[in-house]
PDB file of N, CA and C in Angstrom:
ATOM      1  N   MET A   1     -10.382  56.810 -36.525  1.00  0.00           N
ATOM      2  CA  MET A   1      -9.137  57.478 -36.850  1.00  0.00           C
ATOM      3  C   MET A   1      -8.254  57.596 -35.617  1.00  0.00           C
ATOM      4  N   LYS A   2      -8.864  57.873 -34.462  1.00  0.00           N
ATOM      5  CA  LYS A   2      -8.074  57.987 -33.237  1.00  0.00           C
ATOM      6  C   LYS A   2      -7.419  56.656 -32.880  1.00  0.00           C
ATOM      7  N   LYS A   3      -8.161  55.567 -33.082  1.00  0.00           N
ATOM      8  CA  LYS A   3      -7.616  54.244 -32.769  1.00  0.00           C
ATOM      9  C   LYS A   3      -6.436  53.915 -33.668  1.00  0.00           C
ATOM     10  N   ALA A   4      -6.525  54.262 -34.932  1.00  0.00           N
ATOM     11  CA  ALA A   4      -5.422  53.999 -35.866  1.00  0.00           C
ATOM     12  C   ALA A   4      -4.194  54.807 -35.474  1.00  0.00           C
ATOM     13  N   GLY A   5      -4.378  56.052 -35.083  1.00  0.00           N
ATOM     14  CA  GLY A   5      -3.256  56.893 -34.667  1.00  0.00           C
ATOM     15  C   GLY A   5      -2.626  56.379 -33.378  1.00  0.00           C
ATOM     16  N   LEU A   6      -3.462  55.969 -32.443  1.00  0.00           N
ATOM     17  CA  LEU A   6      -2.975  55.445 -31.170  1.00  0.00           C
ATOM     18  C   LEU A   6      -2.213  54.143 -31.371  1.00  0.00           C
ATOM     19  N   SER A   7      -2.731  53.264 -32.222  1.00  0.00           N
ATOM     20  CA  SER A   7      -2.041  51.993 -32.455  1.00  0.00           C
ATOM     21  C   SER A   7      -0.724  52.220 -33.202  1.00  0.00           C
ATOM     22  N   SER A   8      -0.667  53.203 -34.089  1.00  0.00           N
ATOM     23  CA  SER A   8       0.584  53.518 -34.782  1.00  0.00           C
ATOM     24  C   SER A   8       1.636  54.015 -33.801  1.00  0.00           C
ATOM     25  N   ILE A   9       1.221  54.860 -32.873  1.00  0.00           N
ATOM     26  CA  ILE A   9       2.152  55.371 -31.855  1.00  0.00           C
ATOM     27  C   ILE A   9       2.618  54.224 -30.963  1.00  0.00           C
ATOM     28  N   LEU A  10       1.694  53.350 -30.586  1.00  0.00           N
ATOM     29  CA  LEU A  10       2.042  52.200 -29.745  1.00  0.00           C
ATOM     30  C   LEU A  10       3.052  51.301 -30.440  1.00  0.00           C
ATOM     31  N   VAL A  11       2.862  51.014 -31.712  1.00  0.00           N
ATOM     32  CA  VAL A  11       3.786  50.180 -32.481  1.00  0.00           C
ATOM     33  C   VAL A  11       5.157  50.860 -32.556  1.00  0.00           C
ATOM     34  N   ALA A  12       5.177  52.170 -32.784  1.00  0.00           N
ATOM     35  CA  ALA A  12       6.447  52.901 -32.860  1.00  0.00           C
ATOM     36  C   ALA A  12       7.192  52.841 -31.531  1.00  0.00           C
ATOM     37  N   VAL A  13       6.480  52.975 -30.425  1.00  0.00           N
ATOM     38  CA  VAL A  13       7.102  52.915 -29.094  1.00  0.00           C
ATOM     39  C   VAL A  13       7.676  51.522 -28.836  1.00  0.00           C
ATOM     40  N   VAL A  14       6.931  50.490 -29.201  1.00  0.00           N
ATOM     41  CA  VAL A  14       7.406  49.115 -29.002  1.00  0.00           C
ATOM     42  C   VAL A  14       8.661  48.864 -29.837  1.00  0.00           C
ATOM     43  N   LEU A  15       8.660  49.287 -31.093  1.00  0.00           N
ATOM     44  CA  LEU A  15       9.839  49.106 -31.942  1.00  0.00           C
ATOM     45  C   LEU A  15      11.041  49.862 -31.398  1.00  0.00           C
ATOM     46  N   LEU A  16      10.827  51.061 -30.914  1.00  0.00           N
ATOM     47  CA  LEU A  16      11.915  51.838 -30.323  1.00  0.00           C
ATOM     48  C   LEU A  16      12.465  51.132 -29.083  1.00  0.00           C
ATOM     49  N   ALA A  17      11.579  50.614 -28.251  1.00  0.00           N
ATOM     50  CA  ALA A  17      12.011  49.897 -27.042  1.00  0.00           C
ATOM     51  C   ALA A  17      12.813  48.650 -27.408  1.00  0.00           C
ATOM     52  N   LEU A  18      12.370  47.919 -28.420  1.00  0.00           N
ATOM     53  CA  LEU A  18      13.105  46.723 -28.852  1.00  0.00           C
ATOM     54  C   LEU A  18      14.477  47.087 -29.392  1.00  0.00           C
ATOM     55  N   GLY A  19      14.564  48.208 -30.102  1.00  0.00           N
ATOM     56  CA  GLY A  19      15.852  48.668 -30.619  1.00  0.00           C
ATOM     57  C   GLY A  19      16.815  49.017 -29.494  1.00  0.00           C
ATOM     58  N   VAL A  20      16.327  49.651 -28.452  1.00  0.00           N
ATOM     59  CA  VAL A  20      17.167  50.012 -27.307  1.00  0.00           C
ATOM     60  C   VAL A  20      17.636  48.761 -26.580  1.00  0.00           C
ATOM     61  N   ILE A  21      16.737  47.788 -26.411  1.00  0.00           N
ATOM     62  CA  ILE A  21      17.104  46.535 -25.742  1.00  0.00           C
ATOM     63  C   ILE A  21      18.161  45.798 -26.554  1.00  0.00           C
ATOM     64  N   ALA A  22      17.992  45.715 -27.865  1.00  0.00           N
ATOM     65  CA  ALA A  22      18.958  45.020 -28.715  1.00  0.00           C
ATOM     66  C   ALA A  22      20.322  45.701 -28.653  1.00  0.00           C
ATOM     67  N   GLU A  23      20.331  47.019 -28.626  1.00  0.00           N
ATOM     68  CA  GLU A  23      21.599  47.747 -28.545  1.00  0.00           C
ATOM     69  C   GLU A  23      22.266  47.516 -27.202  1.00  0.00           C
ATOM     70  N   ALA A  24      21.493  47.449 -26.146  1.00  0.00           N
ATOM     71  CA  ALA A  24      22.041  47.260 -24.805  1.00  0.00           C
ATOM     72  C   ALA A  24      22.667  45.884 -24.636  1.00  0.00           C
ATOM     73  N   GLN A  25      22.286  44.912 -25.455  1.00  0.00           N
ATOM     74  CA  GLN A  25      22.780  43.559 -25.299  1.00  0.00           C
ATOM     75  C   GLN A  25      24.004  43.260 -26.152  1.00  0.00           C
ATOM     76  N   GLN A  26      24.566  44.256 -26.801  1.00  0.00           N
ATOM     77  CA  GLN A  26      25.776  44.036 -27.584  1.00  0.00           C
ATOM     78  C   GLN A  26      26.903  43.611 -26.645  1.00  0.00           C
ATOM     79  N   PRO A  27      27.669  42.604 -27.007  1.00  0.00           N
ATOM     80  CA  PRO A  27      28.742  42.140 -26.128  1.00  0.00           C
ATOM     81  C   PRO A  27      29.844  43.185 -26.011  1.00  0.00           C
ATOM     82  N   LYS A  28      30.415  43.263 -24.809  1.00  0.00           N
ATOM     83  CA  LYS A  28      31.532  44.172 -24.582  1.00  0.00           C
ATOM     84  C   LYS A  28      32.769  43.641 -25.283  1.00  0.00           C
ATOM     85  N   LYS A  29      33.638  44.551 -25.667  1.00  0.00           N
ATOM     86  CA  LYS A  29      34.911  44.133 -26.246  1.00  0.00           C
ATOM     87  C   LYS A  29      35.805  43.680 -25.093  1.00  0.00           C
ATOM     88  N   VAL A  30      36.305  42.478 -25.200  1.00  0.00           N
ATOM     89  CA  VAL A  30      37.169  41.922 -24.168  1.00  0.00           C
ATOM     90  C   VAL A  30      38.593  41.885 -24.711  1.00  0.00           C
ATOM     91  N   SER A  31      39.491  42.543 -24.004  1.00  0.00           N
ATOM     92  CA  SER A  31      40.897  42.528 -24.400  1.00  0.00           C
ATOM     93  C   SER A  31      41.498  41.173 -24.076  1.00  0.00           C
ATOM     94  N   ARG A  32      42.508  40.792 -24.838  1.00  0.00           N
ATOM     95  CA  ARG A  32      43.193  39.514 -24.630  1.00  0.00           C
ATOM     96  C   ARG A  32      44.642  39.801 -24.276  1.00  0.00           C
ATOM     97  N   LEU A  33      45.154  39.029 -23.347  1.00  0.00           N
ATOM     98  CA  LEU A  33      46.519  39.178 -22.888  1.00  0.00           C
ATOM     99  C   LEU A  33      47.210  37.828 -23.003  1.00  0.00           C
ATOM    100  N   GLY A  34      48.363  37.812 -23.671  1.00  0.00           N
ATOM    101  CA  GLY A  34      49.130  36.583 -23.808  1.00  0.00           C
ATOM    102  C   GLY A  34      50.141  36.457 -22.683  1.00  0.00           C
ATOM    103  N   TYR A  35      50.275  35.278 -22.125  1.00  0.00           N
ATOM    104  CA  TYR A  35      51.203  35.015 -21.033  1.00  0.00           C
ATOM    105  C   TYR A  35      52.106  33.862 -21.446  1.00  0.00           C
ATOM    106  N   LEU A  36      53.392  34.148 -21.627  1.00  0.00           N
ATOM    107  CA  LEU A  36      54.370  33.128 -22.000  1.00  0.00           C
ATOM    108  C   LEU A  36      55.320  32.890 -20.838  1.00  0.00           C
ATOM    109  N   SER A  37      55.632  31.632 -20.583  1.00  0.00           N
ATOM    110  CA  SER A  37      56.536  31.286 -19.493  1.00  0.00           C
ATOM    111  C   SER A  37      57.495  30.187 -19.945  1.00  0.00           C
ATOM    112  N   ASN A  38      58.729  30.245 -19.447  1.00  0.00           N
ATOM    113  CA  ASN A  38      59.722  29.212 -19.746  1.00  0.00           C
ATOM    114  C   ASN A  38      59.445  27.912 -19.000  1.00  0.00           C
ATOM    115  N   THR A  39      58.701  27.997 -17.904  1.00  0.00           N
ATOM    116  CA  THR A  39      58.461  26.820 -17.067  1.00  0.00           C
ATOM    117  C   THR A  39      57.122  26.187 -17.399  1.00  0.00           C
ATOM    118  N   ASP A  40      56.636  25.341 -16.499  1.00  0.00           N
ATOM    119  CA  ASP A  40      55.328  24.714 -16.690  1.00  0.00           C
ATOM    120  C   ASP A  40      54.287  25.425 -15.820  1.00  0.00           C
ATOM    121  N   ALA A  41      53.036  25.082 -16.009  1.00  0.00           N
ATOM    122  CA  ALA A  41      51.944  25.759 -15.308  1.00  0.00           C
ATOM    123  C   ALA A  41      52.049  25.612 -13.787  1.00  0.00           C
ATOM    124  N   ALA A  42      52.412  24.435 -13.314  1.00  0.00           N
ATOM    125  CA  ALA A  42      52.486  24.206 -11.868  1.00  0.00           C
ATOM    126  C   ALA A  42      53.590  25.049 -11.233  1.00  0.00           C
ATOM    127  N   THR A  43      54.752  25.087 -11.872  1.00  0.00           N
ATOM    128  CA  THR A  43      55.880  25.859 -11.341  1.00  0.00           C
ATOM    129  C   THR A  43      55.597  27.350 -11.386  1.00  0.00           C
ATOM    130  N   ASP A  44      54.884  27.783 -12.383  1.00  0.00           N
ATOM    131  CA  ASP A  44      54.662  29.207 -12.606  1.00  0.00           C
ATOM    132  C   ASP A  44      53.351  29.719 -12.005  1.00  0.00           C
ATOM    133  N   SER A  45      52.629  28.891 -11.294  1.00  0.00           N
ATOM    134  CA  SER A  45      51.292  29.271 -10.819  1.00  0.00           C
ATOM    135  C   SER A  45      51.303  30.494  -9.906  1.00  0.00           C
ATOM    136  N   ALA A  46      52.292  30.623  -9.031  1.00  0.00           N
ATOM    137  CA  ALA A  46      52.335  31.770  -8.119  1.00  0.00           C
ATOM    138  C   ALA A  46      52.538  33.076  -8.887  1.00  0.00           C
ATOM    139  N   ARG A  47      53.411  33.047  -9.882  1.00  0.00           N
ATOM    140  CA  ARG A  47      53.654  34.250 -10.680  1.00  0.00           C
ATOM    141  C   ARG A  47      52.401  34.626 -11.476  1.00  0.00           C
ATOM    142  N   ALA A  48      51.762  33.636 -12.091  1.00  0.00           N
ATOM    143  CA  ALA A  48      50.543  33.896 -12.869  1.00  0.00           C
ATOM    144  C   ALA A  48      49.444  34.451 -11.966  1.00  0.00           C
ATOM    145  N   GLU A  49      49.336  33.925 -10.761  1.00  0.00           N
ATOM    146  CA  GLU A  49      48.336  34.424  -9.813  1.00  0.00           C
ATOM    147  C   GLU A  49      48.654  35.866  -9.411  1.00  0.00           C
ATOM    148  N   GLY A  50      49.923  36.184  -9.219  1.00  0.00           N
ATOM    149  CA  GLY A  50      50.330  37.559  -8.906  1.00  0.00           C
ATOM    150  C   GLY A  50      49.935  38.529 -10.011  1.00  0.00           C
ATOM    151  N   ILE A  51      50.093  38.094 -11.240  1.00  0.00           N
ATOM    152  CA  ILE A  51      49.702  38.942 -12.374  1.00  0.00           C
ATOM    153  C   ILE A  51      48.192  39.131 -12.394  1.00  0.00           C
ATOM    154  N   ARG A  52      47.435  38.066 -12.139  1.00  0.00           N
ATOM    155  CA  ARG A  52      45.971  38.191 -12.088  1.00  0.00           C
ATOM    156  C   ARG A  52      45.542  39.156 -10.983  1.00  0.00           C
ATOM    157  N   LEU A  53      46.199  39.085  -9.815  1.00  0.00           N
ATOM    158  CA  LEU A  53      45.865  39.995  -8.710  1.00  0.00           C
ATOM    159  C   LEU A  53      46.210  41.438  -9.059  1.00  0.00           C
ATOM    160  N   ALA A  54      47.361  41.654  -9.708  1.00  0.00           N
ATOM    161  CA  ALA A  54      47.744  43.007 -10.116  1.00  0.00           C
ATOM    162  C   ALA A  54      46.757  43.559 -11.138  1.00  0.00           C
ATOM    163  N   LEU A  55      46.314  42.719 -12.061  1.00  0.00           N
ATOM    164  CA  LEU A  55      45.309  43.145 -13.039  1.00  0.00           C
ATOM    165  C   LEU A  55      43.998  43.511 -12.346  1.00  0.00           C
ATOM    166  N   ARG A  56      43.624  42.712 -11.351  1.00  0.00           N
ATOM    167  CA  ARG A  56      42.384  42.984 -10.597  1.00  0.00           C
ATOM    168  C   ARG A  56      42.464  44.344  -9.912  1.00  0.00           C
ATOM    169  N   GLU A  57      43.630  44.680  -9.353  1.00  0.00           N
ATOM    170  CA  GLU A  57      43.803  45.983  -8.710  1.00  0.00           C
ATOM    171  C   GLU A  57      43.631  47.131  -9.701  1.00  0.00           C
ATOM    172  N   LEU A  58      43.918  46.858 -10.969  1.00  0.00           N
ATOM    173  CA  LEU A  58      43.759  47.869 -12.018  1.00  0.00           C
ATOM    174  C   LEU A  58      42.353  47.854 -12.627  1.00  0.00           C
ATOM    175  N   GLY A  59      41.499  46.963 -12.119  1.00  0.00           N
ATOM    176  CA  GLY A  59      40.122  46.903 -12.594  1.00  0.00           C
ATOM    177  C   GLY A  59      39.865  45.853 -13.661  1.00  0.00           C
ATOM    178  N   TYR A  60      40.856  45.030 -13.949  1.00  0.00           N
ATOM    179  CA  TYR A  60      40.691  43.972 -14.953  1.00  0.00           C
ATOM    180  C   TYR A  60      40.462  42.641 -14.248  1.00  0.00           C
ATOM    181  N   ILE A  61      39.373  41.994 -14.596  1.00  0.00           N
ATOM    182  CA  ILE A  61      39.047  40.714 -13.981  1.00  0.00           C
ATOM    183  C   ILE A  61      39.036  39.657 -15.085  1.00  0.00           C
ATOM    184  N   VAL A  62      39.949  38.703 -14.944  1.00  0.00           N
ATOM    185  CA  VAL A  62      40.080  37.646 -15.951  1.00  0.00           C
ATOM    186  C   VAL A  62      38.763  36.886 -16.051  1.00  0.00           C
ATOM    187  N   GLY A  63      38.279  36.753 -17.271  1.00  0.00           N
ATOM    188  CA  GLY A  63      37.020  36.071 -17.512  1.00  0.00           C
ATOM    189  C   GLY A  63      35.830  37.012 -17.576  1.00  0.00           C
ATOM    190  N   GLN A  64      36.016  38.270 -17.152  1.00  0.00           N
ATOM    191  CA  GLN A  64      34.928  39.245 -17.225  1.00  0.00           C
ATOM    192  C   GLN A  64      35.232  40.338 -18.242  1.00  0.00           C
ATOM    193  N   ASN A  65      36.314  41.087 -18.014  1.00  0.00           N
ATOM    194  CA  ASN A  65      36.635  42.174 -18.943  1.00  0.00           C
ATOM    195  C   ASN A  65      38.026  42.038 -19.561  1.00  0.00           C
ATOM    196  N   ILE A  66      38.669  40.924 -19.319  1.00  0.00           N
ATOM    197  CA  ILE A  66      39.952  40.615 -19.959  1.00  0.00           C
ATOM    198  C   ILE A  66      40.083  39.096 -20.048  1.00  0.00           C
ATOM    199  N   ALA A  67      40.691  38.635 -21.126  1.00  0.00           N
ATOM    200  CA  ALA A  67      40.926  37.198 -21.302  1.00  0.00           C
ATOM    201  C   ALA A  67      42.432  36.969 -21.339  1.00  0.00           C
ATOM    202  N   MET A  68      42.871  35.876 -20.758  1.00  0.00           N
ATOM    203  CA  MET A  68      44.296  35.558 -20.766  1.00  0.00           C
ATOM    204  C   MET A  68      44.517  34.245 -21.499  1.00  0.00           C
ATOM    205  N   GLU A  69      45.529  34.261 -22.344  1.00  0.00           N
ATOM    206  CA  GLU A  69      45.963  33.066 -23.063  1.00  0.00           C
ATOM    207  C   GLU A  69      47.300  32.646 -22.477  1.00  0.00           C
ATOM    208  N   TYR A  70      47.356  31.478 -21.869  1.00  0.00           N
ATOM    209  CA  TYR A  70      48.564  30.983 -21.224  1.00  0.00           C
ATOM    210  C   TYR A  70      49.297  30.022 -22.146  1.00  0.00           C
ATOM    211  N   ARG A  71      50.605  30.186 -22.215  1.00  0.00           N
ATOM    212  CA  ARG A  71      51.460  29.277 -22.987  1.00  0.00           C
ATOM    213  C   ARG A  71      52.706  28.985 -22.143  1.00  0.00           C
ATOM    214  N   TYR A  72      53.076  27.717 -22.046  1.00  0.00           N
ATOM    215  CA  TYR A  72      54.220  27.304 -21.233  1.00  0.00           C
ATOM    216  C   TYR A  72      55.222  26.515 -22.072  1.00  0.00           C
ATOM    217  N   ALA A  73      56.485  26.925 -22.006  1.00  0.00           N
ATOM    218  CA  ALA A  73      57.552  26.255 -22.761  1.00  0.00           C
ATOM    219  C   ALA A  73      57.995  24.964 -22.075  1.00  0.00           C
ATOM    220  N   GLU A  74      57.676  24.801 -20.812  1.00  0.00           N
ATOM    221  CA  GLU A  74      57.997  23.608 -20.032  1.00  0.00           C
ATOM    222  C   GLU A  74      59.487  23.284 -20.051  1.00  0.00           C
ATOM    223  N   GLY A  75      60.309  24.336 -19.997  1.00  0.00           N
ATOM    224  CA  GLY A  75      61.753  24.164 -19.926  1.00  0.00           C
ATOM    225  C   GLY A  75      62.410  23.728 -21.221  1.00  0.00           C
ATOM    226  N   LYS A  76      61.694  23.704 -22.317  1.00  0.00           N
ATOM    227  CA  LYS A  76      62.248  23.257 -23.598  1.00  0.00           C
ATOM    228  C   LYS A  76      62.809  24.462 -24.361  1.00  0.00           C
ATOM    229  N   PRO A  77      64.132  24.456 -24.592  1.00  0.00           N
ATOM    230  CA  PRO A  77      64.730  25.577 -25.327  1.00  0.00           C
ATOM    231  C   PRO A  77      64.127  25.692 -26.735  1.00  0.00           C
ATOM    232  N   GLY A  78      63.911  26.902 -27.161  1.00  0.00           N
ATOM    233  CA  GLY A  78      63.366  27.133 -28.488  1.00  0.00           C
ATOM    234  C   GLY A  78      61.850  27.075 -28.565  1.00  0.00           C
ATOM    235  N   ARG A  79      61.217  26.584 -27.531  1.00  0.00           N
ATOM    236  CA  ARG A  79      59.745  26.477 -27.539  1.00  0.00           C
ATOM    237  C   ARG A  79      59.083  27.853 -27.481  1.00  0.00           C
ATOM    238  N   ASN A  80      59.780  28.847 -26.906  1.00  0.00           N
ATOM    239  CA  ASN A  80      59.201  30.189 -26.802  1.00  0.00           C
ATOM    240  C   ASN A  80      58.895  30.774 -28.173  1.00  0.00           C
ATOM    241  N   GLN A  81      59.779  30.545 -29.152  1.00  0.00           N
ATOM    242  CA  GLN A  81      59.520  31.042 -30.501  1.00  0.00           C
ATOM    243  C   GLN A  81      58.240  30.443 -31.064  1.00  0.00           C
ATOM    244  N   GLU A  82      58.095  29.152 -30.900  1.00  0.00           N
ATOM    245  CA  GLU A  82      56.905  28.464 -31.395  1.00  0.00           C
ATOM    246  C   GLU A  82      55.642  28.988 -30.708  1.00  0.00           C
ATOM    247  N   LEU A  83      55.705  29.169 -29.394  1.00  0.00           N
ATOM    248  CA  LEU A  83      54.545  29.646 -28.639  1.00  0.00           C
ATOM    249  C   LEU A  83      54.194  31.081 -29.010  1.00  0.00           C
ATOM    250  N   THR A  84      55.222  31.905 -29.222  1.00  0.00           N
ATOM    251  CA  THR A  84      54.981  33.289 -29.626  1.00  0.00           C
ATOM    252  C   THR A  84      54.312  33.326 -30.992  1.00  0.00           C
ATOM    253  N   ALA A  85      54.817  32.542 -31.921  1.00  0.00           N
ATOM    254  CA  ALA A  85      54.218  32.484 -33.263  1.00  0.00           C
ATOM    255  C   ALA A  85      52.773  31.993 -33.177  1.00  0.00           C
ATOM    256  N   GLU A  86      52.532  31.004 -32.339  1.00  0.00           N
ATOM    257  CA  GLU A  86      51.182  30.473 -32.159  1.00  0.00           C
ATOM    258  C   GLU A  86      50.241  31.553 -31.625  1.00  0.00           C
ATOM    259  N   ALA A  87      50.718  32.321 -30.657  1.00  0.00           N
ATOM    260  CA  ALA A  87      49.898  33.394 -30.079  1.00  0.00           C
ATOM    261  C   ALA A  87      49.600  34.473 -31.110  1.00  0.00           C
ATOM    262  N   ILE A  88      50.576  34.791 -31.947  1.00  0.00           N
ATOM    263  CA  ILE A  88      50.372  35.813 -32.977  1.00  0.00           C
ATOM    264  C   ILE A  88      49.381  35.325 -34.020  1.00  0.00           C
ATOM    265  N   VAL A  89      49.522  34.093 -34.460  1.00  0.00           N
ATOM    266  CA  VAL A  89      48.588  33.531 -35.443  1.00  0.00           C
ATOM    267  C   VAL A  89      47.188  33.501 -34.854  1.00  0.00           C
ATOM    268  N   TYR A  90      47.066  33.112 -33.597  1.00  0.00           N
ATOM    269  CA  TYR A  90      45.766  33.073 -32.931  1.00  0.00           C
ATOM    270  C   TYR A  90      45.154  34.472 -32.910  1.00  0.00           C
ATOM    271  N   ARG A  91      45.971  35.459 -32.568  1.00  0.00           N
ATOM    272  CA  ARG A  91      45.498  36.848 -32.477  1.00  0.00           C
ATOM    273  C   ARG A  91      45.060  37.351 -33.850  1.00  0.00           C
ATOM    274  N   VAL A  92      45.857  37.111 -34.859  1.00  0.00           N
ATOM    275  CA  VAL A  92      45.533  37.598 -36.205  1.00  0.00           C
ATOM    276  C   VAL A  92      44.264  36.908 -36.722  1.00  0.00           C
ATOM    277  N   SER A  93      44.159  35.603 -36.518  1.00  0.00           N
ATOM    278  CA  SER A  93      42.993  34.879 -37.021  1.00  0.00           C
ATOM    279  C   SER A  93      41.720  35.327 -36.308  1.00  0.00           C
ATOM    280  N   ARG A  94      41.820  35.674 -35.030  1.00  0.00           N
ATOM    281  CA  ARG A  94      40.637  36.133 -34.282  1.00  0.00           C
ATOM    282  C   ARG A  94      40.288  37.560 -34.672  1.00  0.00           C
ATOM    283  N   HIS A  95      41.297  38.336 -35.042  1.00  0.00           N
ATOM    284  CA  HIS A  95      41.070  39.747 -35.370  1.00  0.00           C
ATOM    285  C   HIS A  95      40.417  39.894 -36.729  1.00  0.00           C
ATOM    286  N   TRP A  96      40.817  39.101 -37.712  1.00  0.00           N
ATOM    287  CA  TRP A  96      40.284  39.244 -39.063  1.00  0.00           C
ATOM    288  C   TRP A  96      39.089  38.384 -39.171  1.00  0.00           C
TER     289      TRP A  96
END
């Protein structure tokens, strides 16, 4: 009887430990930030880097606790509307 009670307690402890480990491994929620620019990536690289550095100062590290989606209009008038719509559709589809 003692062995049965001891093994039951041991099984309960193992299951509890596995539950705690599984809970600890849940992925963190990562916020997403959209970045739209009228220029191209090469021309806008210094500004984008400045934004990444400012985010880092606030505790946000791109690729760790925040994700950035970059979109460039490449100097084409009217492309900003298309890129904005694309970013919104992407956000809605990922959210639902």
